[in-house]
Amino acid sequence: MTPDEAYRYATGRCARAELCRADLRPKLLARGLAPADADALLDRLERERYLDERRYAAAYVHDKLTYDRWGRLKVRQALRLKGVAAEAVDEALAAVDEADYRAGLDALMAAKRRTVKAPDAYTLRLKLLRFAAGRGFEAHLAADAADRLLDAE
């Protein structure tokens, strides 16, 4: 793949979806671009604002919270593994509406409650808390949501 072909490929990918360096670099290498050329192209894409960490982090946070129903802890870890700067992640997570976040957790816990079988309330609460922790929700928020759900029963 020539650098011009790689540029056209990369800009086309960036036009279709928000990407970060960690998403795009392996695709460029798999298409036969040399690592040094791939890094130079990624730098160019950042200068031309095809790649933007803050924009990517905001889109990623929105999608994971809305569609995959992940918690902030899991989203933060996923972005950290992708190499997104901590300040971009913090900014994107700070923009999350707290009321919507808690409502999403409540809905998620209610849906899980319908499928969980437990011999007593203590075991049920533990299963719900373990589920919420696996989804990346903060322990105190998960405990509050579980308590509200079980008190309503």
N, C-alpha and C. Protein backbone atom coordinates (compact mmCIF):
# COMPACT_ATOMS: atom_id res chain seq x y z
N MET A 1 0.85 -1.17 0.00
CA MET A 1 0.00 0.00 0.00
C MET A 1 0.89 1.24 0.00
N THR A 2 0.61 2.13 -0.88
CA THR A 2 1.39 3.36 -0.94
C THR A 2 0.87 4.35 0.10
N PRO A 3 1.68 5.33 0.45
CA PRO A 3 1.21 6.33 1.43
C PRO A 3 -0.05 7.08 0.97
N ASP A 4 -0.17 7.35 -0.34
CA ASP A 4 -1.38 8.04 -0.83
C ASP A 4 -2.61 7.15 -0.69
N GLU A 5 -2.45 5.87 -1.02
CA GLU A 5 -3.57 4.94 -0.86
C GLU A 5 -3.94 4.81 0.62
N ALA A 6 -2.94 4.76 1.47
CA ALA A 6 -3.19 4.66 2.91
C ALA A 6 -3.92 5.89 3.42
N TYR A 7 -3.54 7.05 2.91
CA TYR A 7 -4.20 8.29 3.32
C TYR A 7 -5.67 8.29 2.91
N ARG A 8 -5.94 7.89 1.69
CA ARG A 8 -7.34 7.82 1.22
C ARG A 8 -8.14 6.81 2.04
N TYR A 9 -7.52 5.66 2.31
CA TYR A 9 -8.18 4.64 3.13
C TYR A 9 -8.49 5.18 4.53
N ALA A 10 -7.49 5.79 5.15
CA ALA A 10 -7.64 6.26 6.52
C ALA A 10 -8.65 7.40 6.62
N THR A 11 -8.61 8.33 5.69
CA THR A 11 -9.58 9.43 5.75
C THR A 11 -11.00 8.93 5.50
N GLY A 12 -11.13 7.93 4.67
CA GLY A 12 -12.45 7.32 4.46
C GLY A 12 -12.97 6.66 5.71
N ARG A 13 -12.09 5.95 6.41
CA ARG A 13 -12.49 5.31 7.67
C ARG A 13 -12.86 6.36 8.71
N CYS A 14 -12.06 7.41 8.79
CA CYS A 14 -12.32 8.47 9.78
C CYS A 14 -13.61 9.23 9.46
N ALA A 15 -13.96 9.31 8.20
CA ALA A 15 -15.19 10.00 7.82
C ALA A 15 -16.43 9.21 8.22
N ARG A 16 -16.29 7.89 8.30
CA ARG A 16 -17.43 7.04 8.64
C ARG A 16 -17.66 6.89 10.14
N ALA A 17 -16.58 6.95 10.92
CA ALA A 17 -16.71 6.73 12.37
C ALA A 17 -15.56 7.40 13.10
N GLU A 18 -15.80 7.73 14.36
CA GLU A 18 -14.72 8.26 15.19
C GLU A 18 -13.74 7.13 15.48
N LEU A 19 -12.47 7.40 15.28
CA LEU A 19 -11.42 6.41 15.53
C LEU A 19 -10.32 7.06 16.35
N CYS A 20 -9.53 6.21 16.99
CA CYS A 20 -8.34 6.68 17.67
C CYS A 20 -7.14 5.99 17.04
N ARG A 21 -5.95 6.38 17.46
CA ARG A 21 -4.73 5.78 16.90
C ARG A 21 -4.73 4.27 17.08
N ALA A 22 -5.16 3.81 18.25
CA ALA A 22 -5.13 2.38 18.54
C ALA A 22 -6.10 1.59 17.64
N ASP A 23 -7.14 2.23 17.15
CA ASP A 23 -8.07 1.56 16.25
C ASP A 23 -7.52 1.51 14.83
N LEU A 24 -6.90 2.59 14.40
CA LEU A 24 -6.50 2.72 13.01
C LEU A 24 -5.13 2.13 12.70
N ARG A 25 -4.19 2.21 13.63
CA ARG A 25 -2.83 1.74 13.35
C ARG A 25 -2.78 0.26 12.95
N PRO A 26 -3.44 -0.65 13.67
CA PRO A 26 -3.38 -2.07 13.25
C PRO A 26 -3.99 -2.30 11.86
N LYS A 27 -5.01 -1.54 11.52
CA LYS A 27 -5.61 -1.68 10.19
C LYS A 27 -4.63 -1.25 9.09
N LEU A 28 -3.89 -0.18 9.36
CA LEU A 28 -2.91 0.28 8.38
C LEU A 28 -1.76 -0.74 8.24
N LEU A 29 -1.31 -1.28 9.36
CA LEU A 29 -0.23 -2.27 9.31
C LEU A 29 -0.68 -3.55 8.62
N ALA A 30 -1.93 -3.93 8.84
CA ALA A 30 -2.46 -5.14 8.20
C ALA A 30 -2.57 -4.97 6.69
N ARG A 31 -2.71 -3.75 6.23
CA ARG A 31 -2.79 -3.49 4.79
C ARG A 31 -1.41 -3.33 4.16
N GLY A 32 -0.36 -3.53 4.95
CA GLY A 32 0.99 -3.54 4.40
C GLY A 32 1.76 -2.25 4.52
N LEU A 33 1.26 -1.29 5.28
CA LEU A 33 1.98 -0.04 5.46
C LEU A 33 3.09 -0.25 6.49
N ALA A 34 4.25 0.30 6.25
CA ALA A 34 5.37 0.18 7.18
C ALA A 34 5.03 0.92 8.49
N PRO A 35 5.54 0.41 9.63
CA PRO A 35 5.22 1.06 10.91
C PRO A 35 5.58 2.55 10.95
N ALA A 36 6.73 2.92 10.40
CA ALA A 36 7.12 4.34 10.41
C ALA A 36 6.17 5.17 9.55
N ASP A 37 5.76 4.62 8.41
CA ASP A 37 4.81 5.32 7.54
C ASP A 37 3.43 5.43 8.21
N ALA A 38 3.05 4.38 8.92
CA ALA A 38 1.77 4.41 9.62
C ALA A 38 1.77 5.49 10.70
N ASP A 39 2.85 5.58 11.46
CA ASP A 39 2.93 6.61 12.50
C ASP A 39 2.92 8.01 11.90
N ALA A 40 3.62 8.19 10.80
CA ALA A 40 3.63 9.50 10.14
C ALA A 40 2.23 9.85 9.62
N LEU A 41 1.54 8.87 9.07
CA LEU A 41 0.18 9.11 8.59
C LEU A 41 -0.76 9.45 9.74
N LEU A 42 -0.63 8.74 10.86
CA LEU A 42 -1.47 9.03 12.02
C LEU A 42 -1.21 10.44 12.55
N ASP A 43 0.05 10.84 12.56
CA ASP A 43 0.37 12.22 12.98
C ASP A 43 -0.29 13.23 12.04
N ARG A 44 -0.24 12.96 10.75
CA ARG A 44 -0.87 13.85 9.77
C ARG A 44 -2.38 13.91 9.98
N LEU A 45 -2.99 12.77 10.23
CA LEU A 45 -4.44 12.73 10.45
C LEU A 45 -4.82 13.52 11.70
N GLU A 46 -3.97 13.48 12.72
CA GLU A 46 -4.25 14.27 13.92
C GLU A 46 -4.10 15.76 13.63
N ARG A 47 -3.09 16.14 12.87
CA ARG A 47 -2.91 17.56 12.52
C ARG A 47 -4.10 18.07 11.72
N GLU A 48 -4.63 17.22 10.83
CA GLU A 48 -5.75 17.62 9.99
C GLU A 48 -7.10 17.38 10.67
N ARG A 49 -7.06 16.94 11.92
CA ARG A 49 -8.24 16.72 12.77
C ARG A 49 -9.17 15.60 12.30
N TYR A 50 -8.64 14.69 11.51
CA TYR A 50 -9.41 13.48 11.22
C TYR A 50 -9.46 12.62 12.48
N LEU A 51 -8.37 12.60 13.22
CA LEU A 51 -8.30 11.91 14.50
C LEU A 51 -8.26 12.97 15.60
N ASP A 52 -9.10 12.81 16.59
CA ASP A 52 -9.14 13.75 17.71
C ASP A 52 -9.50 12.95 18.96
N GLU A 53 -8.59 12.91 19.92
CA GLU A 53 -8.81 12.11 21.13
C GLU A 53 -10.02 12.57 21.92
N ARG A 54 -10.20 13.86 22.05
CA ARG A 54 -11.33 14.37 22.84
C ARG A 54 -12.67 14.01 22.17
N ARG A 55 -12.72 14.18 20.89
CA ARG A 55 -13.94 13.84 20.15
C ARG A 55 -14.20 12.34 20.22
N TYR A 56 -13.12 11.55 20.07
CA TYR A 56 -13.26 10.11 20.14
C TYR A 56 -13.73 9.67 21.53
N ALA A 57 -13.13 10.23 22.58
CA ALA A 57 -13.51 9.86 23.94
C ALA A 57 -14.97 10.20 24.21
N ALA A 58 -15.42 11.35 23.76
CA ALA A 58 -16.81 11.75 23.97
C ALA A 58 -17.77 10.79 23.25
N ALA A 59 -17.44 10.42 22.03
CA ALA A 59 -18.29 9.50 21.28
C ALA A 59 -18.28 8.11 21.91
N TYR A 60 -17.12 7.66 22.34
CA TYR A 60 -16.98 6.34 22.95
C TYR A 60 -17.79 6.27 24.25
N VAL A 61 -17.64 7.29 25.08
CA VAL A 61 -18.38 7.33 26.34
C VAL A 61 -19.88 7.30 26.08
N HIS A 62 -20.33 8.12 25.15
CA HIS A 62 -21.76 8.16 24.83
C HIS A 62 -22.25 6.79 24.37
N ASP A 63 -21.55 6.18 23.45
CA ASP A 63 -21.99 4.90 22.90
C ASP A 63 -21.98 3.79 23.94
N LYS A 64 -20.94 3.71 24.73
CA LYS A 64 -20.85 2.63 25.72
C LYS A 64 -21.87 2.79 26.83
N LEU A 65 -22.12 4.01 27.26
CA LEU A 65 -23.11 4.21 28.32
C LEU A 65 -24.53 4.01 27.80
N THR A 66 -24.78 4.47 26.60
CA THR A 66 -26.14 4.43 26.05
C THR A 66 -26.51 3.06 25.50
N TYR A 67 -25.65 2.50 24.67
CA TYR A 67 -26.01 1.28 23.96
C TYR A 67 -25.54 0.00 24.66
N ASP A 68 -24.34 0.01 25.20
CA ASP A 68 -23.82 -1.19 25.85
C ASP A 68 -24.11 -1.21 27.34
N ARG A 69 -24.55 -0.08 27.86
CA ARG A 69 -24.90 0.08 29.27
C ARG A 69 -23.75 -0.30 30.19
N TRP A 70 -22.59 0.26 29.89
CA TRP A 70 -21.42 0.10 30.74
C TRP A 70 -21.41 1.22 31.77
N GLY A 71 -20.68 0.97 32.85
CA GLY A 71 -20.46 2.00 33.85
C GLY A 71 -19.21 2.80 33.54
N ARG A 72 -19.04 3.87 34.30
CA ARG A 72 -17.90 4.76 34.06
C ARG A 72 -16.55 4.07 34.27
N LEU A 73 -16.47 3.16 35.24
CA LEU A 73 -15.19 2.50 35.51
C LEU A 73 -14.75 1.63 34.33
N LYS A 74 -15.67 0.92 33.75
CA LYS A 74 -15.34 0.06 32.61
C LYS A 74 -14.99 0.89 31.38
N VAL A 75 -15.71 1.98 31.17
CA VAL A 75 -15.42 2.86 30.04
C VAL A 75 -14.04 3.47 30.20
N ARG A 76 -13.73 3.94 31.41
CA ARG A 76 -12.42 4.55 31.68
C ARG A 76 -11.30 3.55 31.40
N GLN A 77 -11.46 2.32 31.85
CA GLN A 77 -10.44 1.30 31.64
C GLN A 77 -10.28 0.97 30.15
N ALA A 78 -11.38 0.87 29.44
CA ALA A 78 -11.31 0.56 28.01
C ALA A 78 -10.58 1.67 27.25
N LEU A 79 -10.86 2.91 27.59
CA LEU A 79 -10.17 4.02 26.93
C LEU A 79 -8.70 4.07 27.31
N ARG A 80 -8.40 3.72 28.54
CA ARG A 80 -6.99 3.68 28.98
C ARG A 80 -6.24 2.62 28.18
N LEU A 81 -6.87 1.47 27.95
CA LEU A 81 -6.22 0.41 27.17
C LEU A 81 -6.02 0.81 25.72
N LYS A 82 -6.85 1.71 25.21
CA LYS A 82 -6.69 2.20 23.84
C LYS A 82 -5.65 3.31 23.75
N GLY A 83 -5.14 3.75 24.89
CA GLY A 83 -4.11 4.78 24.89
C GLY A 83 -4.63 6.19 24.78
N VAL A 84 -5.89 6.40 25.07
CA VAL A 84 -6.47 7.75 25.03
C VAL A 84 -5.99 8.52 26.26
N ALA A 85 -5.65 9.77 26.07
CA ALA A 85 -5.12 10.60 27.16
C ALA A 85 -6.12 10.71 28.30
N ALA A 86 -5.59 10.70 29.51
CA ALA A 86 -6.44 10.73 30.71
C ALA A 86 -7.29 11.98 30.77
N GLU A 87 -6.75 13.12 30.35
CA GLU A 87 -7.54 14.34 30.43
C GLU A 87 -8.71 14.32 29.45
N ALA A 88 -8.55 13.68 28.31
CA ALA A 88 -9.66 13.55 27.35
C ALA A 88 -10.74 12.64 27.92
N VAL A 89 -10.32 11.58 28.60
CA VAL A 89 -11.27 10.65 29.22
C VAL A 89 -12.02 11.34 30.35
N ASP A 90 -11.28 12.06 31.19
CA ASP A 90 -11.91 12.76 32.31
C ASP A 90 -12.93 13.78 31.82
N GLU A 91 -12.58 14.50 30.77
CA GLU A 91 -13.49 15.50 30.21
C GLU A 91 -14.76 14.85 29.66
N ALA A 92 -14.60 13.73 28.97
CA ALA A 92 -15.77 13.05 28.40
C ALA A 92 -16.66 12.47 29.49
N LEU A 93 -16.06 11.91 30.52
CA LEU A 93 -16.85 11.33 31.61
C LEU A 93 -17.51 12.41 32.46
N ALA A 94 -16.88 13.57 32.56
CA ALA A 94 -17.48 14.67 33.33
C ALA A 94 -18.73 15.21 32.65
N ALA A 95 -18.83 15.02 31.35
CA ALA A 95 -19.99 15.52 30.60
C ALA A 95 -21.22 14.62 30.75
N VAL A 96 -21.06 13.48 31.39
CA VAL A 96 -22.18 12.55 31.55
C VAL A 96 -23.18 13.11 32.56
N ASP A 97 -24.44 13.11 32.17
CA ASP A 97 -25.50 13.58 33.06
C ASP A 97 -25.73 12.55 34.16
N GLU A 98 -25.58 12.99 35.39
CA GLU A 98 -25.65 12.07 36.53
C GLU A 98 -27.04 11.43 36.67
N ALA A 99 -28.08 12.18 36.43
CA ALA A 99 -29.44 11.64 36.55
C ALA A 99 -29.69 10.55 35.50
N ASP A 100 -29.23 10.79 34.28
CA ASP A 100 -29.38 9.78 33.22
C ASP A 100 -28.55 8.54 33.54
N TYR A 101 -27.36 8.76 34.08
CA TYR A 101 -26.47 7.64 34.43
C TYR A 101 -27.13 6.75 35.49
N ARG A 102 -27.68 7.37 36.52
CA ARG A 102 -28.34 6.60 37.58
C ARG A 102 -29.62 5.93 37.07
N ALA A 103 -30.35 6.60 36.21
CA ALA A 103 -31.56 6.01 35.64
C ALA A 103 -31.20 4.80 34.78
N GLY A 104 -30.11 4.89 34.05
CA GLY A 104 -29.64 3.76 33.26
C GLY A 104 -29.25 2.59 34.12
N LEU A 105 -28.58 2.87 35.24
CA LEU A 105 -28.21 1.81 36.18
C LEU A 105 -29.45 1.17 36.79
N ASP A 106 -30.42 1.98 37.16
CA ASP A 106 -31.67 1.45 37.73
C ASP A 106 -32.38 0.53 36.73
N ALA A 107 -32.45 0.96 35.48
CA ALA A 107 -33.11 0.14 34.45
C ALA A 107 -32.34 -1.15 34.21
N LEU A 108 -31.03 -1.07 34.20
CA LEU A 108 -30.20 -2.26 34.01
C LEU A 108 -30.39 -3.25 35.15
N MET A 109 -30.40 -2.74 36.38
CA MET A 109 -30.58 -3.61 37.55
C MET A 109 -31.98 -4.23 37.56
N ALA A 110 -32.98 -3.48 37.17
CA ALA A 110 -34.35 -4.01 37.12
C ALA A 110 -34.46 -5.12 36.08
N ALA A 111 -33.81 -4.93 34.95
CA ALA A 111 -33.83 -5.97 33.91
C ALA A 111 -33.10 -7.22 34.39
N LYS A 112 -31.99 -7.03 35.06
CA LYS A 112 -31.24 -8.18 35.58
C LYS A 112 -32.02 -8.89 36.68
N ARG A 113 -32.73 -8.12 37.48
CA ARG A 113 -33.51 -8.69 38.59
C ARG A 113 -34.54 -9.71 38.08
N ARG A 114 -35.10 -9.46 36.92
CA ARG A 114 -36.11 -10.37 36.37
C ARG A 114 -35.53 -11.74 36.01
N THR A 115 -34.23 -11.82 35.79
CA THR A 115 -33.62 -13.08 35.37
C THR A 115 -32.84 -13.78 36.48
N VAL A 116 -32.64 -13.11 37.61
CA VAL A 116 -31.82 -13.67 38.69
C VAL A 116 -32.69 -14.48 39.64
N LYS A 117 -32.21 -15.65 39.96
CA LYS A 117 -32.88 -16.49 40.96
C LYS A 117 -31.97 -16.57 42.18
N ALA A 118 -32.56 -16.37 43.36
CA ALA A 118 -31.78 -16.41 44.59
C ALA A 118 -32.68 -16.90 45.72
N PRO A 119 -32.11 -17.67 46.65
CA PRO A 119 -32.92 -18.21 47.75
C PRO A 119 -33.36 -17.16 48.77
N ASP A 120 -32.60 -16.06 48.87
CA ASP A 120 -32.95 -15.03 49.85
C ASP A 120 -32.52 -13.65 49.34
N ALA A 121 -32.95 -12.63 50.06
CA ALA A 121 -32.67 -11.25 49.63
C ALA A 121 -31.17 -10.93 49.68
N TYR A 122 -30.46 -11.49 50.64
CA TYR A 122 -29.03 -11.23 50.76
C TYR A 122 -28.28 -11.75 49.53
N THR A 123 -28.56 -12.97 49.13
CA THR A 123 -27.92 -13.55 47.95
C THR A 123 -28.32 -12.80 46.69
N LEU A 124 -29.55 -12.42 46.60
CA LEU A 124 -30.02 -11.64 45.44
C LEU A 124 -29.27 -10.32 45.35
N ARG A 125 -29.13 -9.64 46.47
CA ARG A 125 -28.41 -8.36 46.48
C ARG A 125 -26.96 -8.56 46.05
N LEU A 126 -26.31 -9.60 46.53
CA LEU A 126 -24.93 -9.87 46.14
C LEU A 126 -24.81 -10.15 44.65
N LYS A 127 -25.74 -10.88 44.10
CA LYS A 127 -25.70 -11.17 42.66
C LYS A 127 -25.89 -9.90 41.84
N LEU A 128 -26.80 -9.05 42.27
CA LEU A 128 -27.00 -7.78 41.57
C LEU A 128 -25.77 -6.89 41.67
N LEU A 129 -25.15 -6.84 42.84
CA LEU A 129 -23.95 -6.02 43.01
C LEU A 129 -22.79 -6.55 42.17
N ARG A 130 -22.65 -7.86 42.11
CA ARG A 130 -21.59 -8.46 41.29
C ARG A 130 -21.82 -8.15 39.81
N PHE A 131 -23.06 -8.22 39.38
CA PHE A 131 -23.40 -7.89 38.00
C PHE A 131 -23.04 -6.43 37.69
N ALA A 132 -23.44 -5.51 38.58
CA ALA A 132 -23.15 -4.09 38.36
C ALA A 132 -21.65 -3.82 38.36
N ALA A 133 -20.92 -4.51 39.21
CA ALA A 133 -19.46 -4.33 39.24
C ALA A 133 -18.84 -4.82 37.94
N GLY A 134 -19.34 -5.91 37.40
CA GLY A 134 -18.83 -6.43 36.14
C GLY A 134 -19.11 -5.48 34.99
N ARG A 135 -20.17 -4.71 35.09
CA ARG A 135 -20.49 -3.73 34.05
C ARG A 135 -19.74 -2.42 34.26
N GLY A 136 -19.01 -2.30 35.37
CA GLY A 136 -18.18 -1.11 35.58
C GLY A 136 -18.85 0.02 36.32
N PHE A 137 -19.88 -0.27 37.09
CA PHE A 137 -20.54 0.77 37.87
C PHE A 137 -19.87 0.89 39.24
N GLU A 138 -19.89 2.09 39.77
CA GLU A 138 -19.30 2.36 41.06
C GLU A 138 -20.07 1.60 42.14
N ALA A 139 -19.36 1.11 43.14
CA ALA A 139 -19.96 0.26 44.16
C ALA A 139 -21.07 0.97 44.94
N HIS A 140 -20.85 2.23 45.31
CA HIS A 140 -21.87 2.92 46.10
C HIS A 140 -23.14 3.18 45.27
N LEU A 141 -22.99 3.45 43.98
CA LEU A 141 -24.17 3.65 43.14
C LEU A 141 -24.91 2.34 42.93
N ALA A 142 -24.17 1.26 42.74
CA ALA A 142 -24.79 -0.05 42.56
C ALA A 142 -25.52 -0.48 43.83
N ALA A 143 -24.92 -0.21 44.99
CA ALA A 143 -25.57 -0.58 46.25
C ALA A 143 -26.86 0.21 46.44
N ASP A 144 -26.82 1.49 46.11
CA ASP A 144 -28.03 2.32 46.22
C ASP A 144 -29.12 1.81 45.28
N ALA A 145 -28.75 1.48 44.06
CA ALA A 145 -29.72 0.99 43.08
C ALA A 145 -30.30 -0.35 43.51
N ALA A 146 -29.46 -1.24 44.02
CA ALA A 146 -29.94 -2.55 44.48
C ALA A 146 -30.88 -2.38 45.67
N ASP A 147 -30.53 -1.49 46.58
CA ASP A 147 -31.39 -1.27 47.74
C ASP A 147 -32.74 -0.69 47.32
N ARG A 148 -32.73 0.26 46.40
CA ARG A 148 -34.00 0.82 45.93
C ARG A 148 -34.85 -0.25 45.24
N LEU A 149 -34.21 -1.09 44.47
CA LEU A 149 -34.93 -2.14 43.74
C LEU A 149 -35.52 -3.17 44.71
N LEU A 150 -34.74 -3.57 45.69
CA LEU A 150 -35.22 -4.59 46.63
C LEU A 150 -36.25 -4.01 47.60
N ASP A 151 -36.12 -2.74 47.95
CA ASP A 151 -37.13 -2.10 48.82
C ASP A 151 -38.46 -1.96 48.12
N ALA A 152 -38.44 -1.83 46.80
CA ALA A 152 -39.67 -1.68 46.04
C ALA A 152 -40.43 -3.00 45.91
N GLU A 153 -39.77 -4.10 46.16
CA GLU A 153 -40.43 -5.42 46.01
C GLU A 153 -41.32 -5.76 47.18
